[in-house]
Amino acid sequence: MDETKTQLKRFTTLIKPNLLSQIKLISYFTNKKLNEVINESLSDYITNFELQNNTKLKSIIDFQSNFEELPQNNTSHSKNSKK
């Protein structure tokens, strides 16, 4: 069995207690880990957002990452240059 591990990132957020109870119940009923159910829910939300807004967030994130990796030429001149 060749399984690749997905990198996870820990974060803290605030959530309505009733929503947390519901998502925990879904996790229990489906026999999935809570983080798996939350990840699936977020993925569904993102997919729905992309469909409604006719956009792909991953392409925007990739574009931003590529833009940040471009070499930066320092073309500004020193303010203290001799006259």
PDB file of N, CA and C in Angstrom:
ATOM      1  N   MET A   1       0.838  -1.176   0.000  1.00  0.00           N
ATOM      2  CA  MET A   1       0.000   0.000   0.000  1.00  0.00           C
ATOM      3  C   MET A   1       0.886   1.244   0.000  1.00  0.00           C
ATOM      4  N   ASP A   2       0.772   2.050  -1.034  1.00  0.00           N
ATOM      5  CA  ASP A   2       1.595   3.248  -1.153  1.00  0.00           C
ATOM      6  C   ASP A   2       0.735   4.476  -0.861  1.00  0.00           C
ATOM      7  N   GLU A   3       0.812   4.935   0.376  1.00  0.00           N
ATOM      8  CA  GLU A   3       0.033   6.109   0.771  1.00  0.00           C
ATOM      9  C   GLU A   3       0.977   7.276   0.993  1.00  0.00           C
ATOM     10  N   THR A   4       0.620   8.411   0.423  1.00  0.00           N
ATOM     11  CA  THR A   4       1.418   9.598   0.662  1.00  0.00           C
ATOM     12  C   THR A   4       0.782  10.381   1.793  1.00  0.00           C
ATOM     13  N   LYS A   5       1.623  10.887   2.675  1.00  0.00           N
ATOM     14  CA  LYS A   5       1.105  11.647   3.800  1.00  0.00           C
ATOM     15  C   LYS A   5       0.854  13.079   3.376  1.00  0.00           C
ATOM     16  N   THR A   6      -0.310  13.569   3.734  1.00  0.00           N
ATOM     17  CA  THR A   6      -0.653  14.949   3.454  1.00  0.00           C
ATOM     18  C   THR A   6      -0.147  15.797   4.611  1.00  0.00           C
ATOM     19  N   GLN A   7       0.503  16.880   4.257  1.00  0.00           N
ATOM     20  CA  GLN A   7       0.991  17.778   5.291  1.00  0.00           C
ATOM     21  C   GLN A   7      -0.177  18.567   5.862  1.00  0.00           C
ATOM     22  N   LEU A   8      -0.270  18.596   7.164  1.00  0.00           N
ATOM     23  CA  LEU A   8      -1.336  19.313   7.839  1.00  0.00           C
ATOM     24  C   LEU A   8      -0.749  20.496   8.596  1.00  0.00           C
ATOM     25  N   LYS A   9      -1.558  21.508   8.787  1.00  0.00           N
ATOM     26  CA  LYS A   9      -1.117  22.692   9.509  1.00  0.00           C
ATOM     27  C   LYS A   9      -2.105  22.972  10.630  1.00  0.00           C
ATOM     28  N   ARG A  10      -1.587  23.144  11.809  1.00  0.00           N
ATOM     29  CA  ARG A  10      -2.425  23.418  12.974  1.00  0.00           C
ATOM     30  C   ARG A  10      -2.786  24.898  12.998  1.00  0.00           C
ATOM     31  N   PHE A  11      -4.049  25.191  13.302  1.00  0.00           N
ATOM     32  CA  PHE A  11      -4.470  26.573  13.479  1.00  0.00           C
ATOM     33  C   PHE A  11      -5.620  26.620  14.477  1.00  0.00           C
ATOM     34  N   THR A  12      -5.824  27.781  15.041  1.00  0.00           N
ATOM     35  CA  THR A  12      -6.885  27.974  16.020  1.00  0.00           C
ATOM     36  C   THR A  12      -7.895  28.944  15.442  1.00  0.00           C
ATOM     37  N   THR A  13      -9.156  28.647  15.662  1.00  0.00           N
ATOM     38  CA  THR A  13     -10.214  29.523  15.170  1.00  0.00           C
ATOM     39  C   THR A  13     -11.399  29.480  16.127  1.00  0.00           C
ATOM     40  N   LEU A  14     -12.280  30.421  15.958  1.00  0.00           N
ATOM     41  CA  LEU A  14     -13.500  30.450  16.760  1.00  0.00           C
ATOM     42  C   LEU A  14     -14.641  29.889  15.930  1.00  0.00           C
ATOM     43  N   ILE A  15     -15.522  29.138  16.592  1.00  0.00           N
ATOM     44  CA  ILE A  15     -16.652  28.529  15.903  1.00  0.00           C
ATOM     45  C   ILE A  15     -17.854  28.544  16.843  1.00  0.00           C
ATOM     46  N   LYS A  16     -19.027  28.646  16.271  1.00  0.00           N
ATOM     47  CA  LYS A  16     -20.249  28.607  17.076  1.00  0.00           C
ATOM     48  C   LYS A  16     -20.373  27.223  17.708  1.00  0.00           C
ATOM     49  N   PRO A  17     -20.709  27.175  18.999  1.00  0.00           N
ATOM     50  CA  PRO A  17     -20.794  25.876  19.688  1.00  0.00           C
ATOM     51  C   PRO A  17     -21.721  24.871  19.006  1.00  0.00           C
ATOM     52  N   ASN A  18     -22.856  25.339  18.487  1.00  0.00           N
ATOM     53  CA  ASN A  18     -23.798  24.430  17.833  1.00  0.00           C
ATOM     54  C   ASN A  18     -23.193  23.838  16.556  1.00  0.00           C
ATOM     55  N   LEU A  19     -22.461  24.658  15.800  1.00  0.00           N
ATOM     56  CA  LEU A  19     -21.796  24.137  14.591  1.00  0.00           C
ATOM     57  C   LEU A  19     -20.743  23.096  14.955  1.00  0.00           C
ATOM     58  N   LEU A  20     -20.002  23.364  16.000  1.00  0.00           N
ATOM     59  CA  LEU A  20     -18.984  22.410  16.434  1.00  0.00           C
ATOM     60  C   LEU A  20     -19.626  21.083  16.841  1.00  0.00           C
ATOM     61  N   SER A  21     -20.717  21.149  17.559  1.00  0.00           N
ATOM     62  CA  SER A  21     -21.422  19.919  17.960  1.00  0.00           C
ATOM     63  C   SER A  21     -21.892  19.139  16.743  1.00  0.00           C
ATOM     64  N   GLN A  22     -22.419  19.855  15.763  1.00  0.00           N
ATOM     65  CA  GLN A  22     -22.911  19.187  14.554  1.00  0.00           C
ATOM     66  C   GLN A  22     -21.779  18.532  13.776  1.00  0.00           C
ATOM     67  N   ILE A  23     -20.673  19.244  13.616  1.00  0.00           N
ATOM     68  CA  ILE A  23     -19.563  18.682  12.835  1.00  0.00           C
ATOM     69  C   ILE A  23     -18.933  17.495  13.578  1.00  0.00           C
ATOM     70  N   LYS A  24     -18.932  17.549  14.907  1.00  0.00           N
ATOM     71  CA  LYS A  24     -18.441  16.414  15.689  1.00  0.00           C
ATOM     72  C   LYS A  24     -19.351  15.202  15.517  1.00  0.00           C
ATOM     73  N   LEU A  25     -20.642  15.438  15.481  1.00  0.00           N
ATOM     74  CA  LEU A  25     -21.584  14.331  15.258  1.00  0.00           C
ATOM     75  C   LEU A  25     -21.405  13.720  13.875  1.00  0.00           C
ATOM     76  N   ILE A  26     -21.224  14.551  12.884  1.00  0.00           N
ATOM     77  CA  ILE A  26     -20.968  14.044  11.524  1.00  0.00           C
ATOM     78  C   ILE A  26     -19.713  13.194  11.526  1.00  0.00           C
ATOM     79  N   SER A  27     -18.690  13.662  12.213  1.00  0.00           N
ATOM     80  CA  SER A  27     -17.447  12.899  12.313  1.00  0.00           C
ATOM     81  C   SER A  27     -17.690  11.542  12.960  1.00  0.00           C
ATOM     82  N   TYR A  28     -18.462  11.535  14.010  1.00  0.00           N
ATOM     83  CA  TYR A  28     -18.773  10.292  14.714  1.00  0.00           C
ATOM     84  C   TYR A  28     -19.591   9.343  13.840  1.00  0.00           C
ATOM     85  N   PHE A  29     -20.648   9.864  13.222  1.00  0.00           N
ATOM     86  CA  PHE A  29     -21.537   9.030  12.403  1.00  0.00           C
ATOM     87  C   PHE A  29     -20.835   8.460  11.172  1.00  0.00           C
ATOM     88  N   THR A  30     -19.915   9.206  10.622  1.00  0.00           N
ATOM     89  CA  THR A  30     -19.213   8.750   9.418  1.00  0.00           C
ATOM     90  C   THR A  30     -17.914   8.009   9.742  1.00  0.00           C
ATOM     91  N   ASN A  31     -17.617   7.919  11.030  1.00  0.00           N
ATOM     92  CA  ASN A  31     -16.397   7.241  11.481  1.00  0.00           C
ATOM     93  C   ASN A  31     -15.138   7.848  10.849  1.00  0.00           C
ATOM     94  N   LYS A  32     -15.114   9.169  10.780  1.00  0.00           N
ATOM     95  CA  LYS A  32     -13.958   9.892  10.260  1.00  0.00           C
ATOM     96  C   LYS A  32     -13.399  10.778  11.349  1.00  0.00           C
ATOM     97  N   LYS A  33     -12.142  11.113  11.197  1.00  0.00           N
ATOM     98  CA  LYS A  33     -11.533  12.059  12.131  1.00  0.00           C
ATOM     99  C   LYS A  33     -12.153  13.433  11.916  1.00  0.00           C
ATOM    100  N   LEU A  34     -12.186  14.201  12.996  1.00  0.00           N
ATOM    101  CA  LEU A  34     -12.784  15.532  12.927  1.00  0.00           C
ATOM    102  C   LEU A  34     -12.086  16.396  11.882  1.00  0.00           C
ATOM    103  N   ASN A  35     -10.764  16.351  11.828  1.00  0.00           N
ATOM    104  CA  ASN A  35     -10.048  17.172  10.847  1.00  0.00           C
ATOM    105  C   ASN A  35     -10.374  16.743   9.410  1.00  0.00           C
ATOM    106  N   GLU A  36     -10.661  15.472   9.188  1.00  0.00           N
ATOM    107  CA  GLU A  36     -11.045  15.002   7.856  1.00  0.00           C
ATOM    108  C   GLU A  36     -12.389  15.586   7.442  1.00  0.00           C
ATOM    109  N   VAL A  37     -13.338  15.590   8.373  1.00  0.00           N
ATOM    110  CA  VAL A  37     -14.666  16.132   8.074  1.00  0.00           C
ATOM    111  C   VAL A  37     -14.580  17.636   7.823  1.00  0.00           C
ATOM    112  N   ILE A  38     -13.784  18.323   8.623  1.00  0.00           N
ATOM    113  CA  ILE A  38     -13.617  19.768   8.432  1.00  0.00           C
ATOM    114  C   ILE A  38     -12.933  20.043   7.095  1.00  0.00           C
ATOM    115  N   ASN A  39     -11.911  19.276   6.744  1.00  0.00           N
ATOM    116  CA  ASN A  39     -11.232  19.457   5.452  1.00  0.00           C
ATOM    117  C   ASN A  39     -12.190  19.226   4.286  1.00  0.00           C
ATOM    118  N   GLU A  40     -13.010  18.186   4.377  1.00  0.00           N
ATOM    119  CA  GLU A  40     -13.995  17.920   3.315  1.00  0.00           C
ATOM    120  C   GLU A  40     -15.000  19.071   3.211  1.00  0.00           C
ATOM    121  N   SER A  41     -15.430  19.570   4.339  1.00  0.00           N
ATOM    122  CA  SER A  41     -16.386  20.679   4.347  1.00  0.00           C
ATOM    123  C   SER A  41     -15.782  21.933   3.720  1.00  0.00           C
ATOM    124  N   LEU A  42     -14.546  22.228   4.083  1.00  0.00           N
ATOM    125  CA  LEU A  42     -13.882  23.392   3.503  1.00  0.00           C
ATOM    126  C   LEU A  42     -13.648  23.222   2.008  1.00  0.00           C
ATOM    127  N   SER A  43     -13.284  22.028   1.595  1.00  0.00           N
ATOM    128  CA  SER A  43     -13.090  21.760   0.164  1.00  0.00           C
ATOM    129  C   SER A  43     -14.386  21.945  -0.609  1.00  0.00           C
ATOM    130  N   ASP A  44     -15.481  21.453  -0.046  1.00  0.00           N
ATOM    131  CA  ASP A  44     -16.788  21.639  -0.686  1.00  0.00           C
ATOM    132  C   ASP A  44     -17.157  23.115  -0.764  1.00  0.00           C
ATOM    133  N   TYR A  45     -16.882  23.844   0.289  1.00  0.00           N
ATOM    134  CA  TYR A  45     -17.187  25.275   0.322  1.00  0.00           C
ATOM    135  C   TYR A  45     -16.382  26.017  -0.755  1.00  0.00           C
ATOM    136  N   ILE A  46     -15.104  25.686  -0.866  1.00  0.00           N
ATOM    137  CA  ILE A  46     -14.235  26.325  -1.864  1.00  0.00           C
ATOM    138  C   ILE A  46     -14.703  25.985  -3.274  1.00  0.00           C
ATOM    139  N   THR A  47     -15.032  24.727  -3.518  1.00  0.00           N
ATOM    140  CA  THR A  47     -15.536  24.313  -4.826  1.00  0.00           C
ATOM    141  C   THR A  47     -16.803  25.076  -5.185  1.00  0.00           C
ATOM    142  N   ASN A  48     -17.703  25.192  -4.241  1.00  0.00           N
ATOM    143  CA  ASN A  48     -18.949  25.929  -4.463  1.00  0.00           C
ATOM    144  C   ASN A  48     -18.661  27.404  -4.756  1.00  0.00           C
ATOM    145  N   PHE A  49     -17.748  27.991  -4.006  1.00  0.00           N
ATOM    146  CA  PHE A  49     -17.368  29.392  -4.232  1.00  0.00           C
ATOM    147  C   PHE A  49     -16.800  29.586  -5.637  1.00  0.00           C
ATOM    148  N   GLU A  50     -15.928  28.681  -6.040  1.00  0.00           N
ATOM    149  CA  GLU A  50     -15.311  28.785  -7.369  1.00  0.00           C
ATOM    150  C   GLU A  50     -16.353  28.663  -8.480  1.00  0.00           C
ATOM    151  N   LEU A  51     -17.310  27.767  -8.307  1.00  0.00           N
ATOM    152  CA  LEU A  51     -18.366  27.613  -9.314  1.00  0.00           C
ATOM    153  C   LEU A  51     -19.243  28.853  -9.403  1.00  0.00           C
ATOM    154  N   GLN A  52     -19.612  29.389  -8.265  1.00  0.00           N
ATOM    155  CA  GLN A  52     -20.488  30.556  -8.246  1.00  0.00           C
ATOM    156  C   GLN A  52     -19.788  31.803  -8.780  1.00  0.00           C
ATOM    157  N   ASN A  53     -18.473  31.875  -8.595  1.00  0.00           N
ATOM    158  CA  ASN A  53     -17.728  33.074  -8.981  1.00  0.00           C
ATOM    159  C   ASN A  53     -16.868  32.877 -10.227  1.00  0.00           C
ATOM    160  N   ASN A  54     -17.012  31.722 -10.848  1.00  0.00           N
ATOM    161  CA  ASN A  54     -16.286  31.420 -12.075  1.00  0.00           C
ATOM    162  C   ASN A  54     -14.790  31.741 -11.961  1.00  0.00           C
ATOM    163  N   THR A  55     -14.176  31.178 -10.945  1.00  0.00           N
ATOM    164  CA  THR A  55     -12.753  31.411 -10.706  1.00  0.00           C
ATOM    165  C   THR A  55     -12.113  30.164 -10.105  1.00  0.00           C
ATOM    166  N   LYS A  56     -10.802  30.117 -10.164  1.00  0.00           N
ATOM    167  CA  LYS A  56     -10.048  29.037  -9.540  1.00  0.00           C
ATOM    168  C   LYS A  56      -9.064  29.667  -8.563  1.00  0.00           C
ATOM    169  N   LEU A  57      -9.283  29.441  -7.289  1.00  0.00           N
ATOM    170  CA  LEU A  57      -8.424  30.050  -6.276  1.00  0.00           C
ATOM    171  C   LEU A  57      -6.999  29.521  -6.343  1.00  0.00           C
ATOM    172  N   LYS A  58      -6.836  28.249  -6.682  1.00  0.00           N
ATOM    173  CA  LYS A  58      -5.492  27.671  -6.765  1.00  0.00           C
ATOM    174  C   LYS A  58      -4.651  28.396  -7.806  1.00  0.00           C
ATOM    175  N   SER A  59      -5.234  28.766  -8.931  1.00  0.00           N
ATOM    176  CA  SER A  59      -4.473  29.470  -9.958  1.00  0.00           C
ATOM    177  C   SER A  59      -4.054  30.859  -9.470  1.00  0.00           C
ATOM    178  N   ILE A  60      -4.903  31.498  -8.666  1.00  0.00           N
ATOM    179  CA  ILE A  60      -4.535  32.805  -8.107  1.00  0.00           C
ATOM    180  C   ILE A  60      -3.402  32.650  -7.101  1.00  0.00           C
ATOM    181  N   ILE A  61      -3.487  31.631  -6.278  1.00  0.00           N
ATOM    182  CA  ILE A  61      -2.427  31.380  -5.287  1.00  0.00           C
ATOM    183  C   ILE A  61      -1.124  31.028  -5.997  1.00  0.00           C
ATOM    184  N   ASP A  62      -1.195  30.185  -7.036  1.00  0.00           N
ATOM    185  CA  ASP A  62       0.000  29.831  -7.809  1.00  0.00           C
ATOM    186  C   ASP A  62       0.606  31.062  -8.469  1.00  0.00           C
ATOM    187  N   PHE A  63      -0.236  31.902  -9.015  1.00  0.00           N
ATOM    188  CA  PHE A  63       0.243  33.125  -9.661  1.00  0.00           C
ATOM    189  C   PHE A  63       0.985  33.998  -8.650  1.00  0.00           C
ATOM    190  N   GLN A  64       0.407  34.145  -7.466  1.00  0.00           N
ATOM    191  CA  GLN A  64       1.030  34.951  -6.425  1.00  0.00           C
ATOM    192  C   GLN A  64       2.378  34.338  -6.021  1.00  0.00           C
ATOM    193  N   SER A  65       2.422  33.028  -5.873  1.00  0.00           N
ATOM    194  CA  SER A  65       3.671  32.352  -5.489  1.00  0.00           C
ATOM    195  C   SER A  65       4.738  32.553  -6.558  1.00  0.00           C
ATOM    196  N   ASN A  66       4.356  32.431  -7.821  1.00  0.00           N
ATOM    197  CA  ASN A  66       5.313  32.630  -8.910  1.00  0.00           C
ATOM    198  C   ASN A  66       5.795  34.069  -8.957  1.00  0.00           C
ATOM    199  N   PHE A  67       4.914  34.992  -8.684  1.00  0.00           N
ATOM    200  CA  PHE A  67       5.271  36.404  -8.701  1.00  0.00           C
ATOM    201  C   PHE A  67       6.271  36.722  -7.592  1.00  0.00           C
ATOM    202  N   GLU A  68       6.083  36.132  -6.434  1.00  0.00           N
ATOM    203  CA  GLU A  68       6.986  36.368  -5.304  1.00  0.00           C
ATOM    204  C   GLU A  68       8.362  35.762  -5.547  1.00  0.00           C
ATOM    205  N   GLU A  69       8.459  34.755  -6.404  1.00  0.00           N
ATOM    206  CA  GLU A  69       9.728  34.094  -6.657  1.00  0.00           C
ATOM    207  C   GLU A  69      10.559  34.785  -7.733  1.00  0.00           C
ATOM    208  N   LEU A  70       9.997  35.765  -8.425  1.00  0.00           N
ATOM    209  CA  LEU A  70      10.734  36.466  -9.468  1.00  0.00           C
ATOM    210  C   LEU A  70      11.922  37.212  -8.876  1.00  0.00           C
ATOM    211  N   PRO A  71      13.056  37.202  -9.574  1.00  0.00           N
ATOM    212  CA  PRO A  71      14.206  37.950  -9.057  1.00  0.00           C
ATOM    213  C   PRO A  71      13.903  39.446  -9.079  1.00  0.00           C
ATOM    214  N   GLN A  72      14.338  40.104  -8.052  1.00  0.00           N
ATOM    215  CA  GLN A  72      14.091  41.534  -7.956  1.00  0.00           C
ATOM    216  C   GLN A  72      15.387  42.279  -8.236  1.00  0.00           C
ATOM    217  N   ASN A  73      15.363  43.103  -9.279  1.00  0.00           N
ATOM    218  CA  ASN A  73      16.521  43.926  -9.606  1.00  0.00           C
ATOM    219  C   ASN A  73      16.398  45.239  -8.855  1.00  0.00           C
ATOM    220  N   ASN A  74      17.458  45.595  -8.174  1.00  0.00           N
ATOM    221  CA  ASN A  74      17.444  46.833  -7.414  1.00  0.00           C
ATOM    222  C   ASN A  74      17.903  47.947  -8.346  1.00  0.00           C
ATOM    223  N   THR A  75      16.950  48.683  -8.912  1.00  0.00           N
ATOM    224  CA  THR A  75      17.280  49.742  -9.861  1.00  0.00           C
ATOM    225  C   THR A  75      17.199  51.120  -9.253  1.00  0.00           C
ATOM    226  N   SER A  76      16.865  51.165  -7.952  1.00  0.00           N
ATOM    227  CA  SER A  76      16.785  52.483  -7.333  1.00  0.00           C
ATOM    228  C   SER A  76      18.187  53.008  -7.064  1.00  0.00           C
ATOM    229  N   HIS A  77      18.330  54.295  -7.111  1.00  0.00           N
ATOM    230  CA  HIS A  77      19.620  54.921  -6.878  1.00  0.00           C
ATOM    231  C   HIS A  77      19.665  55.484  -5.468  1.00  0.00           C
ATOM    232  N   SER A  78      20.834  55.527  -4.948  1.00  0.00           N
ATOM    233  CA  SER A  78      21.015  56.006  -3.597  1.00  0.00           C
ATOM    234  C   SER A  78      20.670  57.488  -3.518  1.00  0.00           C
ATOM    235  N   LYS A  79      20.020  57.883  -2.444  1.00  0.00           N
ATOM    236  CA  LYS A  79      19.647  59.282  -2.265  1.00  0.00           C
ATOM    237  C   LYS A  79      20.871  60.137  -1.930  1.00  0.00           C
ATOM    238  N   ASN A  80      21.923  59.491  -1.470  1.00  0.00           N
ATOM    239  CA  ASN A  80      23.108  60.224  -1.069  1.00  0.00           C
ATOM    240  C   ASN A  80      24.159  60.243  -2.168  1.00  0.00           C
ATOM    241  N   SER A  81      23.751  60.204  -3.399  1.00  0.00           N
ATOM    242  CA  SER A  81      24.712  60.204  -4.484  1.00  0.00           C
ATOM    243  C   SER A  81      25.367  61.570  -4.618  1.00  0.00           C
ATOM    244  N   LYS A  82      26.605  61.566  -5.081  1.00  0.00           N
ATOM    245  CA  LYS A  82      27.364  62.814  -5.211  1.00  0.00           C
ATOM    246  C   LYS A  82      26.852  63.628  -6.378  1.00  0.00           C
ATOM    247  N   LYS A  83      26.853  64.943  -6.215  1.00  0.00           N
ATOM    248  CA  LYS A  83      26.408  65.849  -7.272  1.00  0.00           C
ATOM    249  C   LYS A  83      27.588  66.480  -7.957  1.00  0.00           C
TER     250      LYS A  83
END
